[in-house]
N, C-alpha and C. Protein backbone atom coordinates (compact mmCIF):
# COMPACT_ATOMS: atom_id res chain seq x y z
N UNK A 1 0.84 -1.18 0.00
CA UNK A 1 0.00 0.00 0.00
C UNK A 1 0.89 1.24 0.00
N UNK A 2 0.41 2.32 -0.56
CA UNK A 2 1.17 3.57 -0.62
C UNK A 2 1.19 4.24 0.76
N UNK A 3 2.08 5.21 0.90
CA UNK A 3 2.24 5.90 2.17
C UNK A 3 0.97 6.66 2.55
N UNK A 4 0.65 6.61 3.84
CA UNK A 4 -0.53 7.29 4.35
C UNK A 4 -0.40 8.80 4.15
N UNK A 5 -1.49 9.41 3.71
CA UNK A 5 -1.50 10.86 3.46
C UNK A 5 -2.50 11.54 4.41
N UNK A 6 -2.21 12.77 4.82
CA UNK A 6 -3.13 13.47 5.71
C UNK A 6 -4.55 13.60 5.16
N UNK A 7 -4.70 13.75 3.85
CA UNK A 7 -6.06 13.89 3.31
C UNK A 7 -6.89 12.63 3.53
N UNK A 8 -6.24 11.46 3.61
CA UNK A 8 -6.97 10.22 3.92
C UNK A 8 -7.50 10.27 5.35
N UNK A 9 -6.69 10.81 6.25
CA UNK A 9 -7.10 10.91 7.65
C UNK A 9 -8.24 11.91 7.78
N UNK A 10 -8.09 13.08 7.16
CA UNK A 10 -9.18 14.07 7.21
C UNK A 10 -10.45 13.51 6.57
N UNK A 11 -10.31 12.73 5.52
CA UNK A 11 -11.48 12.11 4.89
C UNK A 11 -12.19 11.17 5.85
N UNK A 12 -11.42 10.38 6.60
CA UNK A 12 -12.02 9.48 7.59
C UNK A 12 -12.72 10.29 8.68
N UNK A 13 -12.06 11.33 9.18
CA UNK A 13 -12.67 12.16 10.23
C UNK A 13 -13.97 12.80 9.74
N UNK A 14 -14.00 13.23 8.49
CA UNK A 14 -15.23 13.81 7.93
C UNK A 14 -16.33 12.76 7.84
N UNK A 15 -15.98 11.53 7.45
CA UNK A 15 -16.97 10.46 7.38
C UNK A 15 -17.50 10.12 8.78
N UNK A 16 -16.61 10.09 9.77
CA UNK A 16 -17.06 9.86 11.15
C UNK A 16 -18.02 10.96 11.56
N UNK A 17 -17.66 12.20 11.29
CA UNK A 17 -18.51 13.34 11.65
C UNK A 17 -19.89 13.22 10.99
N UNK A 18 -19.92 12.74 9.77
CA UNK A 18 -21.21 12.62 9.07
C UNK A 18 -22.12 11.57 9.72
N UNK A 19 -21.54 10.62 10.47
CA UNK A 19 -22.31 9.60 11.17
C UNK A 19 -22.59 9.97 12.63
N UNK A 20 -21.93 11.01 13.13
CA UNK A 20 -22.02 11.36 14.55
C UNK A 20 -23.41 11.87 14.93
N UNK A 21 -23.80 11.54 16.14
CA UNK A 21 -25.07 12.01 16.68
C UNK A 21 -24.80 13.11 17.71
N UNK A 22 -25.86 13.63 18.30
CA UNK A 22 -25.71 14.66 19.34
C UNK A 22 -24.94 14.13 20.55
N UNK A 23 -24.86 12.81 20.71
CA UNK A 23 -24.15 12.21 21.84
C UNK A 23 -22.68 11.94 21.55
N UNK A 24 -22.18 12.43 20.42
CA UNK A 24 -20.78 12.21 20.05
C UNK A 24 -19.86 12.81 21.10
N UNK A 25 -18.90 12.02 21.58
CA UNK A 25 -18.02 12.45 22.68
C UNK A 25 -16.65 12.90 22.23
N UNK A 26 -16.36 12.80 20.96
CA UNK A 26 -15.01 13.09 20.46
C UNK A 26 -14.29 11.79 20.17
N UNK A 27 -13.15 11.92 19.49
CA UNK A 27 -12.45 10.74 18.98
C UNK A 27 -10.95 11.00 18.93
N UNK A 28 -10.17 10.02 19.33
CA UNK A 28 -8.72 10.08 19.21
C UNK A 28 -8.22 8.86 18.46
N UNK A 29 -7.36 9.09 17.46
CA UNK A 29 -6.82 8.01 16.64
C UNK A 29 -5.30 8.07 16.63
N UNK A 30 -4.68 6.90 16.58
CA UNK A 30 -3.24 6.77 16.41
C UNK A 30 -3.01 5.94 15.16
N UNK A 31 -2.27 6.49 14.21
CA UNK A 31 -1.89 5.77 12.99
C UNK A 31 -0.45 5.31 13.20
N UNK A 32 -0.24 4.02 13.32
CA UNK A 32 1.05 3.47 13.73
C UNK A 32 1.61 2.51 12.69
N UNK A 33 2.93 2.34 12.72
CA UNK A 33 3.58 1.34 11.86
C UNK A 33 4.03 0.12 12.64
N UNK A 34 4.20 0.27 13.94
CA UNK A 34 4.61 -0.84 14.81
C UNK A 34 4.05 -0.60 16.20
N UNK A 35 3.66 -1.68 16.86
CA UNK A 35 3.16 -1.57 18.23
C UNK A 35 4.28 -1.64 19.26
N UNK A 36 5.48 -2.01 18.83
CA UNK A 36 6.55 -2.33 19.76
C UNK A 36 6.96 -1.19 20.68
N UNK A 37 6.90 0.05 20.23
CA UNK A 37 7.32 1.15 21.10
C UNK A 37 6.16 2.05 21.53
N UNK A 38 4.93 1.59 21.32
CA UNK A 38 3.78 2.40 21.72
C UNK A 38 3.50 2.22 23.22
N UNK A 39 3.51 3.31 23.98
CA UNK A 39 3.22 3.23 25.41
C UNK A 39 1.70 3.23 25.63
N UNK A 40 1.08 2.10 25.36
CA UNK A 40 -0.38 1.98 25.43
C UNK A 40 -0.78 0.87 26.39
N UNK A 41 -1.96 1.03 26.95
CA UNK A 41 -2.59 0.01 27.79
C UNK A 41 -4.07 0.03 27.45
N UNK A 42 -4.63 -1.15 27.24
CA UNK A 42 -6.06 -1.23 26.94
C UNK A 42 -6.88 -0.76 28.14
N UNK A 43 -7.90 0.04 27.88
CA UNK A 43 -8.77 0.51 28.95
C UNK A 43 -9.83 -0.51 29.33
N UNK A 44 -9.95 -1.55 28.54
CA UNK A 44 -10.91 -2.62 28.82
C UNK A 44 -10.49 -3.89 28.12
N UNK A 45 -11.14 -4.96 28.45
CA UNK A 45 -10.85 -6.26 27.85
C UNK A 45 -11.29 -6.25 26.39
N UNK A 46 -10.33 -6.25 25.48
CA UNK A 46 -10.62 -6.14 24.05
C UNK A 46 -11.49 -7.29 23.56
N UNK A 47 -11.45 -8.44 24.23
CA UNK A 47 -12.27 -9.58 23.79
C UNK A 47 -13.76 -9.33 24.04
N UNK A 48 -14.10 -8.34 24.85
CA UNK A 48 -15.50 -8.01 25.10
C UNK A 48 -16.08 -7.05 24.06
N UNK A 49 -15.20 -6.52 23.20
CA UNK A 49 -15.68 -5.61 22.16
C UNK A 49 -16.59 -6.38 21.22
N UNK A 50 -17.80 -5.89 20.97
CA UNK A 50 -18.78 -6.68 20.23
C UNK A 50 -18.57 -6.75 18.72
N UNK A 51 -17.51 -6.15 18.20
CA UNK A 51 -17.22 -6.19 16.77
C UNK A 51 -15.90 -6.90 16.54
N UNK A 52 -15.76 -7.51 15.39
CA UNK A 52 -14.53 -8.21 15.04
C UNK A 52 -13.50 -7.22 14.51
N UNK A 53 -12.32 -7.29 15.07
CA UNK A 53 -11.19 -6.48 14.59
C UNK A 53 -10.22 -7.40 13.87
N UNK A 54 -9.50 -6.94 12.89
CA UNK A 54 -9.45 -5.57 12.39
C UNK A 54 -10.64 -5.25 11.47
N UNK A 55 -10.87 -3.93 11.32
CA UNK A 55 -11.89 -3.42 10.41
C UNK A 55 -11.17 -2.63 9.33
N UNK A 56 -11.32 -3.07 8.08
CA UNK A 56 -10.60 -2.44 6.97
C UNK A 56 -11.50 -1.60 6.06
N UNK A 57 -12.74 -1.98 5.92
CA UNK A 57 -13.66 -1.28 5.03
C UNK A 57 -13.89 0.14 5.57
N UNK A 58 -13.56 1.15 4.79
CA UNK A 58 -13.59 2.53 5.30
C UNK A 58 -14.97 3.03 5.67
N UNK A 59 -16.02 2.76 4.89
CA UNK A 59 -17.35 3.18 5.34
C UNK A 59 -17.75 2.50 6.67
N UNK A 60 -17.44 1.21 6.80
CA UNK A 60 -17.73 0.50 8.05
C UNK A 60 -16.90 1.07 9.18
N UNK A 61 -15.65 1.36 8.92
CA UNK A 61 -14.75 1.95 9.91
C UNK A 61 -15.31 3.27 10.43
N UNK A 62 -15.74 4.14 9.53
CA UNK A 62 -16.27 5.45 9.92
C UNK A 62 -17.53 5.31 10.77
N UNK A 63 -18.44 4.45 10.36
CA UNK A 63 -19.68 4.31 11.13
C UNK A 63 -19.42 3.66 12.49
N UNK A 64 -18.50 2.71 12.53
CA UNK A 64 -18.15 2.06 13.80
C UNK A 64 -17.51 3.06 14.76
N UNK A 65 -16.58 3.87 14.27
CA UNK A 65 -15.94 4.87 15.13
C UNK A 65 -16.96 5.87 15.66
N UNK A 66 -17.90 6.29 14.83
CA UNK A 66 -18.94 7.20 15.30
C UNK A 66 -19.83 6.52 16.35
N UNK A 67 -20.13 5.26 16.12
CA UNK A 67 -20.99 4.51 17.04
C UNK A 67 -20.35 4.36 18.42
N UNK A 68 -19.06 4.05 18.48
CA UNK A 68 -18.42 3.83 19.78
C UNK A 68 -17.95 5.13 20.43
N UNK A 69 -18.01 6.24 19.71
CA UNK A 69 -17.57 7.52 20.25
C UNK A 69 -18.74 8.34 20.78
N UNK A 70 -19.58 7.66 21.53
CA UNK A 70 -20.70 8.32 22.19
C UNK A 70 -20.58 8.05 23.68
N UNK A 71 -21.14 8.95 24.48
CA UNK A 71 -21.02 8.81 25.92
C UNK A 71 -21.67 7.52 26.43
N UNK A 72 -22.62 6.98 25.70
CA UNK A 72 -23.28 5.75 26.14
C UNK A 72 -22.47 4.49 25.83
N UNK A 73 -21.42 4.62 25.02
CA UNK A 73 -20.59 3.46 24.69
C UNK A 73 -19.46 3.31 25.71
N UNK A 74 -19.27 2.10 26.24
CA UNK A 74 -18.14 1.91 27.16
C UNK A 74 -16.79 1.99 26.45
N UNK A 75 -16.79 2.06 25.13
CA UNK A 75 -15.55 2.06 24.34
C UNK A 75 -15.16 3.45 23.84
N UNK A 76 -15.82 4.50 24.32
CA UNK A 76 -15.60 5.84 23.76
C UNK A 76 -14.29 6.48 24.21
N UNK A 77 -13.73 6.05 25.31
CA UNK A 77 -12.58 6.74 25.87
C UNK A 77 -11.27 6.23 25.26
N UNK A 78 -10.23 7.01 25.43
CA UNK A 78 -8.90 6.62 24.96
C UNK A 78 -8.73 6.83 23.47
N UNK A 79 -7.69 6.19 22.95
CA UNK A 79 -7.36 6.27 21.52
C UNK A 79 -7.66 4.94 20.85
N UNK A 80 -8.04 5.03 19.59
CA UNK A 80 -8.26 3.84 18.77
C UNK A 80 -7.10 3.78 17.79
N UNK A 81 -6.58 2.58 17.55
CA UNK A 81 -5.37 2.41 16.75
C UNK A 81 -5.67 1.93 15.35
N UNK A 82 -5.06 2.59 14.38
CA UNK A 82 -5.21 2.23 12.98
C UNK A 82 -3.82 1.97 12.40
N UNK A 83 -3.66 0.81 11.79
CA UNK A 83 -2.40 0.46 11.13
C UNK A 83 -2.18 1.41 9.97
N UNK A 84 -1.08 2.13 9.98
CA UNK A 84 -0.81 3.15 8.95
C UNK A 84 -0.56 2.54 7.58
N UNK A 85 -0.17 1.28 7.53
CA UNK A 85 0.08 0.63 6.24
C UNK A 85 -1.18 0.06 5.61
N UNK A 86 -2.06 -0.51 6.42
CA UNK A 86 -3.26 -1.15 5.88
C UNK A 86 -4.54 -0.33 6.08
N UNK A 87 -4.47 0.71 6.90
CA UNK A 87 -5.63 1.54 7.26
C UNK A 87 -6.71 0.68 7.93
N UNK A 88 -6.29 -0.29 8.72
CA UNK A 88 -7.22 -1.14 9.46
C UNK A 88 -7.27 -0.72 10.92
N UNK A 89 -8.48 -0.64 11.46
CA UNK A 89 -8.66 -0.44 12.89
C UNK A 89 -8.29 -1.74 13.58
N UNK A 90 -7.29 -1.68 14.46
CA UNK A 90 -6.78 -2.90 15.08
C UNK A 90 -7.02 -2.98 16.59
N UNK A 91 -7.12 -1.84 17.25
CA UNK A 91 -7.30 -1.79 18.69
C UNK A 91 -8.22 -0.62 19.03
N UNK A 92 -9.00 -0.79 20.09
CA UNK A 92 -9.88 0.29 20.51
C UNK A 92 -9.63 0.61 21.98
N UNK A 93 -9.99 1.82 22.36
CA UNK A 93 -9.96 2.27 23.75
C UNK A 93 -8.62 1.99 24.43
N UNK A 94 -7.60 2.63 23.93
CA UNK A 94 -6.25 2.47 24.48
C UNK A 94 -5.83 3.74 25.23
N UNK A 95 -5.28 3.55 26.42
CA UNK A 95 -4.68 4.65 27.15
C UNK A 95 -3.29 4.87 26.56
N UNK A 96 -3.00 6.09 26.18
CA UNK A 96 -1.70 6.45 25.60
C UNK A 96 -0.95 7.31 26.62
N UNK A 97 0.28 6.90 26.93
CA UNK A 97 1.08 7.63 27.91
C UNK A 97 2.46 7.95 27.33
N UNK A 98 2.51 8.95 26.44
CA UNK A 98 3.81 9.32 25.87
C UNK A 98 4.69 10.03 26.92
N UNK A 99 5.96 10.08 26.64
CA UNK A 99 6.90 10.74 27.55
C UNK A 99 6.55 12.22 27.70
N UNK A 100 6.58 12.70 28.92
CA UNK A 100 6.32 14.12 29.17
C UNK A 100 7.39 14.97 28.49
N UNK A 101 8.59 14.44 28.34
CA UNK A 101 9.66 15.18 27.65
C UNK A 101 9.24 15.60 26.25
N UNK A 102 8.35 14.85 25.64
CA UNK A 102 7.88 15.20 24.31
C UNK A 102 7.10 16.52 24.30
N UNK A 103 6.66 16.95 25.48
CA UNK A 103 5.86 18.17 25.57
C UNK A 103 6.65 19.37 26.05
N UNK A 104 7.87 19.16 26.45
CA UNK A 104 8.67 20.26 27.02
C UNK A 104 8.84 21.42 26.04
N UNK A 105 8.87 21.13 24.76
CA UNK A 105 9.05 22.18 23.76
C UNK A 105 7.72 22.76 23.29
N UNK A 106 6.63 22.28 23.86
CA UNK A 106 5.31 22.78 23.47
C UNK A 106 5.20 24.26 23.74
N UNK A 107 4.63 24.96 22.80
CA UNK A 107 4.41 26.39 22.95
C UNK A 107 2.92 26.63 23.15
N UNK A 108 2.44 26.24 24.31
CA UNK A 108 1.01 26.41 24.59
C UNK A 108 0.66 27.88 24.59
N UNK A 109 -0.30 28.21 23.77
CA UNK A 109 -0.79 29.58 23.67
C UNK A 109 -2.30 29.55 23.70
N UNK A 110 -2.89 30.59 24.24
CA UNK A 110 -4.34 30.65 24.27
C UNK A 110 -4.90 29.86 25.42
N UNK A 111 -6.13 29.42 25.25
CA UNK A 111 -6.83 28.70 26.30
C UNK A 111 -6.22 27.31 26.48
N UNK A 112 -6.39 26.72 27.67
CA UNK A 112 -5.88 25.37 27.89
C UNK A 112 -6.55 24.36 26.94
N UNK A 113 -5.82 23.31 26.63
CA UNK A 113 -6.35 22.21 25.82
C UNK A 113 -6.50 21.00 26.73
N UNK A 114 -7.23 20.02 26.26
CA UNK A 114 -7.49 18.83 27.07
C UNK A 114 -6.36 17.82 27.05
N UNK A 115 -6.49 16.84 27.92
CA UNK A 115 -5.48 15.79 28.04
C UNK A 115 -5.35 14.98 26.75
N UNK A 116 -6.47 14.72 26.08
CA UNK A 116 -6.41 13.95 24.83
C UNK A 116 -5.62 14.73 23.78
N UNK A 117 -5.80 16.04 23.74
CA UNK A 117 -5.07 16.89 22.80
C UNK A 117 -3.57 16.81 23.08
N UNK A 118 -3.19 16.94 24.35
CA UNK A 118 -1.76 16.88 24.71
C UNK A 118 -1.18 15.50 24.42
N UNK A 119 -1.94 14.46 24.72
CA UNK A 119 -1.45 13.10 24.44
C UNK A 119 -1.30 12.88 22.95
N UNK A 120 -2.22 13.40 22.15
CA UNK A 120 -2.12 13.26 20.69
C UNK A 120 -0.89 14.00 20.16
N UNK A 121 -0.66 15.20 20.67
CA UNK A 121 0.50 15.98 20.24
C UNK A 121 1.80 15.24 20.59
N UNK A 122 1.92 14.82 21.85
CA UNK A 122 3.13 14.12 22.28
C UNK A 122 3.24 12.75 21.61
N UNK A 123 2.14 12.05 21.48
CA UNK A 123 2.15 10.72 20.87
C UNK A 123 2.60 10.73 19.43
N UNK A 124 2.35 11.84 18.74
CA UNK A 124 2.77 11.93 17.33
C UNK A 124 4.29 12.02 17.19
N UNK A 125 5.00 12.19 18.30
CA UNK A 125 6.46 12.23 18.26
C UNK A 125 7.09 10.84 18.45
N UNK A 126 6.28 9.85 18.76
CA UNK A 126 6.78 8.48 18.91
C UNK A 126 7.22 7.97 17.54
N UNK A 127 8.42 7.40 17.44
CA UNK A 127 8.95 7.00 16.12
C UNK A 127 8.03 6.12 15.28
N UNK A 128 7.28 5.22 15.88
CA UNK A 128 6.42 4.31 15.09
C UNK A 128 5.04 4.91 14.79
N UNK A 129 4.82 6.16 15.18
CA UNK A 129 3.54 6.81 14.92
C UNK A 129 3.69 7.73 13.73
N UNK A 130 2.89 7.49 12.71
CA UNK A 130 2.89 8.35 11.52
C UNK A 130 2.12 9.63 11.80
N UNK A 131 0.94 9.48 12.40
CA UNK A 131 0.07 10.60 12.71
C UNK A 131 -0.78 10.23 13.92
N UNK A 132 -1.26 11.25 14.61
CA UNK A 132 -2.37 11.09 15.52
C UNK A 132 -3.45 12.06 15.03
N UNK A 133 -4.68 11.79 15.40
CA UNK A 133 -5.78 12.63 14.92
C UNK A 133 -6.85 12.72 15.98
N UNK A 134 -7.48 13.87 16.02
CA UNK A 134 -8.59 14.11 16.94
C UNK A 134 -9.78 14.65 16.17
N UNK A 135 -10.94 14.29 16.63
CA UNK A 135 -12.18 14.91 16.18
C UNK A 135 -12.91 15.31 17.44
N UNK A 136 -13.03 16.62 17.66
CA UNK A 136 -13.64 17.09 18.90
C UNK A 136 -15.13 16.77 18.92
N UNK A 137 -15.71 16.88 20.10
CA UNK A 137 -17.15 16.62 20.19
C UNK A 137 -17.96 17.66 19.44
N UNK A 138 -17.33 18.75 19.05
CA UNK A 138 -17.99 19.78 18.24
C UNK A 138 -17.69 19.60 16.75
N UNK A 139 -16.92 18.55 16.39
CA UNK A 139 -16.67 18.24 14.99
C UNK A 139 -15.42 18.87 14.41
N UNK A 140 -14.53 19.42 15.24
CA UNK A 140 -13.30 20.04 14.74
C UNK A 140 -12.20 18.98 14.58
N UNK A 141 -11.75 18.73 13.34
CA UNK A 141 -10.68 17.75 13.13
C UNK A 141 -9.30 18.38 13.25
N UNK A 142 -8.38 17.66 13.88
CA UNK A 142 -6.98 18.07 13.97
C UNK A 142 -6.12 16.85 13.77
N UNK A 143 -5.06 17.02 12.99
CA UNK A 143 -4.09 15.94 12.76
C UNK A 143 -2.74 16.43 13.26
N UNK A 144 -1.99 15.52 13.88
CA UNK A 144 -0.67 15.83 14.40
C UNK A 144 0.37 14.94 13.72
N UNK A 145 1.53 15.53 13.45
CA UNK A 145 2.68 14.78 12.96
C UNK A 145 3.92 15.40 13.59
N UNK A 146 4.73 14.55 14.22
CA UNK A 146 5.97 14.99 14.87
C UNK A 146 5.75 16.17 15.83
N UNK A 147 4.65 16.14 16.55
CA UNK A 147 4.37 17.15 17.55
C UNK A 147 3.72 18.42 17.06
N UNK A 148 3.48 18.52 15.77
CA UNK A 148 2.86 19.73 15.20
C UNK A 148 1.46 19.39 14.70
N UNK A 149 0.53 20.30 14.96
CA UNK A 149 -0.84 20.09 14.48
C UNK A 149 -1.05 20.86 13.19
N UNK A 150 -1.97 20.35 12.41
CA UNK A 150 -2.36 21.06 11.19
C UNK A 150 -3.80 20.72 10.86
N UNK A 151 -4.42 21.63 10.14
CA UNK A 151 -5.80 21.47 9.73
C UNK A 151 -5.84 21.04 8.27
N UNK A 152 -6.99 20.65 7.79
CA UNK A 152 -7.13 20.22 6.40
C UNK A 152 -6.66 21.35 5.48
N UNK A 153 -5.88 20.99 4.48
CA UNK A 153 -5.38 21.96 3.53
C UNK A 153 -4.03 22.55 3.91
N UNK A 154 -3.63 22.38 5.17
CA UNK A 154 -2.31 22.85 5.60
C UNK A 154 -1.30 21.73 5.41
N UNK A 155 -0.09 22.09 5.11
CA UNK A 155 0.97 21.09 4.98
C UNK A 155 1.55 20.77 6.34
N UNK A 156 1.85 19.50 6.60
CA UNK A 156 2.52 19.16 7.84
C UNK A 156 3.86 19.89 7.93
N UNK A 157 4.25 20.23 9.17
CA UNK A 157 5.52 20.95 9.37
C UNK A 157 6.70 20.06 9.09
């Protein structure tokens, strides 16, 4: 498969948003090439997840992510992992704990951001992570690469 591009990620986030309901809680994604150096811990027993993983079909992926990203779903919290090479959802509801050192150079300006935002920013600096992505509960998509965020149409730093 060809290298993952930011427009593919924004396309997925837009499809998730199109399926989102008023109960949408927001979404965090990690696009990874290897699990070996990811500082993650499952927030729940993955075998209890009622869907079969991995999920590769993009329309199914978008609707599933919207479905589990509601406050009524026990799977809404944490980050969901997508293989950057195959674009398959492989893990759901993962606690991500990147090194705090990754944030030391952060130039926080303006109002405070949430923990998921900071974890996504720092997590995007992990060598095996191609991108991290967030979709806020208000529908604002953000993609991170190497600690820098960008919006659709902007080039990664």
